[in-house]
Amino acid sequence: MTIRRNPNRGNQDDRDAFVDRAGEEETARLHCFIPAGLHHQLKVMALEGRTNMTALVVEALENFVAERR
């Protein structure tokens, strides 16, 4: 697992987030090209949902895999 942020810096929320990430499942990088319009839509959805694009993509892929099983 790679955690790039020093847990001793920042506020208590940052330290708690660091500890939470330490217990998470290992991750792997996914790099792909998507249409610019779709990218923009995802960014807007992430902003409106107060989340990030990674969370949206992971959720979409989990749903896709669940439907295929």
C-alpha atoms as a PDB file:
ATOM      1  CA  MET A   1       0.000   0.000   0.000  1.00  0.00           C
ATOM      2  CA  THR A   2       1.236   3.468  -0.809  1.00  0.00           C
ATOM      3  CA  ILE A   3       0.135   6.424   1.266  1.00  0.00           C
ATOM      4  CA  ARG A   4       1.874   9.579   0.214  1.00  0.00           C
ATOM      5  CA  ARG A   5       0.791  11.928   2.958  1.00  0.00           C
ATOM      6  CA  ASN A   6       2.582  12.311   6.274  1.00  0.00           C
ATOM      7  CA  PRO A   7       0.069  11.490   9.035  1.00  0.00           C
ATOM      8  CA  ASN A   8       1.798  13.790  11.506  1.00  0.00           C
ATOM      9  CA  ARG A   9       0.982  16.913   9.507  1.00  0.00           C
ATOM     10  CA  GLY A  10      -2.395  18.575   9.219  1.00  0.00           C
ATOM     11  CA  ASN A  11      -5.413  18.369  11.446  1.00  0.00           C
ATOM     12  CA  GLN A  12      -7.093  15.443  13.211  1.00  0.00           C
ATOM     13  CA  ASP A  13      -9.310  14.742  10.181  1.00  0.00           C
ATOM     14  CA  ASP A  14      -6.201  14.283   8.043  1.00  0.00           C
ATOM     15  CA  ARG A  15      -4.723  11.867  10.581  1.00  0.00           C
ATOM     16  CA  ASP A  16      -7.981   9.921  10.806  1.00  0.00           C
ATOM     17  CA  ALA A  17      -8.191   9.695   7.002  1.00  0.00           C
ATOM     18  CA  PHE A  18      -4.608   8.431   6.903  1.00  0.00           C
ATOM     19  CA  VAL A  19      -5.412   5.661   9.374  1.00  0.00           C
ATOM     20  CA  ASP A  20      -8.611   4.758   7.499  1.00  0.00           C
ATOM     21  CA  ARG A  21      -6.690   4.405   4.224  1.00  0.00           C
ATOM     22  CA  ALA A  22      -4.144   2.123   5.900  1.00  0.00           C
ATOM     23  CA  GLY A  23      -6.848  -0.505   6.372  1.00  0.00           C
ATOM     24  CA  GLU A  24      -8.256  -0.294   2.869  1.00  0.00           C
ATOM     25  CA  GLU A  25      -7.897  -2.852   0.124  1.00  0.00           C
ATOM     26  CA  GLU A  26      -4.863  -2.571  -2.138  1.00  0.00           C
ATOM     27  CA  THR A  27      -5.472  -0.541  -5.258  1.00  0.00           C
ATOM     28  CA  ALA A  28      -4.157  -0.574  -8.822  1.00  0.00           C
ATOM     29  CA  ARG A  29      -3.960   2.276 -11.302  1.00  0.00           C
ATOM     30  CA  LEU A  30      -6.348   2.268 -14.262  1.00  0.00           C
ATOM     31  CA  HIS A  31      -5.422   4.460 -17.197  1.00  0.00           C
ATOM     32  CA  CYS A  32      -7.787   4.786 -20.121  1.00  0.00           C
ATOM     33  CA  PHE A  33      -8.887   7.320 -22.667  1.00  0.00           C
ATOM     34  CA  ILE A  34     -12.517   8.456 -22.527  1.00  0.00           C
ATOM     35  CA  PRO A  35     -14.391  11.055 -24.559  1.00  0.00           C
ATOM     36  CA  ALA A  36     -13.830  14.613 -23.334  1.00  0.00           C
ATOM     37  CA  GLY A  37     -17.562  15.194 -22.916  1.00  0.00           C
ATOM     38  CA  LEU A  38     -17.904  12.158 -20.650  1.00  0.00           C
ATOM     39  CA  HIS A  39     -14.896  13.297 -18.642  1.00  0.00           C
ATOM     40  CA  HIS A  40     -16.506  16.698 -18.142  1.00  0.00           C
ATOM     41  CA  GLN A  41     -19.821  15.108 -17.092  1.00  0.00           C
ATOM     42  CA  LEU A  42     -18.030  12.938 -14.525  1.00  0.00           C
ATOM     43  CA  LYS A  43     -16.198  15.943 -13.109  1.00  0.00           C
ATOM     44  CA  VAL A  44     -19.459  17.847 -12.735  1.00  0.00           C
ATOM     45  CA  MET A  45     -21.175  14.835 -11.130  1.00  0.00           C
ATOM     46  CA  ALA A  46     -18.298  14.426  -8.690  1.00  0.00           C
ATOM     47  CA  LEU A  47     -18.427  18.098  -7.773  1.00  0.00           C
ATOM     48  CA  GLU A  48     -22.189  18.081  -7.296  1.00  0.00           C
ATOM     49  CA  GLY A  49     -22.021  14.873  -5.264  1.00  0.00           C
ATOM     50  CA  ARG A  50     -19.138  16.171  -3.148  1.00  0.00           C
ATOM     51  CA  THR A  51     -17.025  13.166  -4.075  1.00  0.00           C
ATOM     52  CA  ASN A  52     -14.281  12.465  -6.595  1.00  0.00           C
ATOM     53  CA  MET A  53     -14.087  10.882 -10.016  1.00  0.00           C
ATOM     54  CA  THR A  54     -12.320   7.797  -8.696  1.00  0.00           C
ATOM     55  CA  ALA A  55     -15.246   7.001  -6.407  1.00  0.00           C
ATOM     56  CA  LEU A  56     -17.680   7.417  -9.301  1.00  0.00           C
ATOM     57  CA  VAL A  57     -15.654   5.163 -11.599  1.00  0.00           C
ATOM     58  CA  VAL A  58     -15.210   2.492  -8.902  1.00  0.00           C
ATOM     59  CA  GLU A  59     -18.955   2.527  -8.201  1.00  0.00           C
ATOM     60  CA  ALA A  60     -19.780   2.245 -11.910  1.00  0.00           C
ATOM     61  CA  LEU A  61     -17.328  -0.629 -12.416  1.00  0.00           C
ATOM     62  CA  GLU A  62     -18.613  -2.467  -9.330  1.00  0.00           C
ATOM     63  CA  ASN A  63     -22.171  -2.163 -10.663  1.00  0.00           C
ATOM     64  CA  PHE A  64     -21.048  -3.388 -14.095  1.00  0.00           C
ATOM     65  CA  VAL A  65     -19.304  -6.426 -12.612  1.00  0.00           C
ATOM     66  CA  ALA A  66     -22.297  -7.218 -10.363  1.00  0.00           C
ATOM     67  CA  GLU A  67     -24.659  -7.141 -13.365  1.00  0.00           C
ATOM     68  CA  ARG A  68     -22.399  -9.473 -15.348  1.00  0.00           C
ATOM     69  CA  ARG A  69     -22.284 -12.142 -12.608  1.00  0.00           C
END
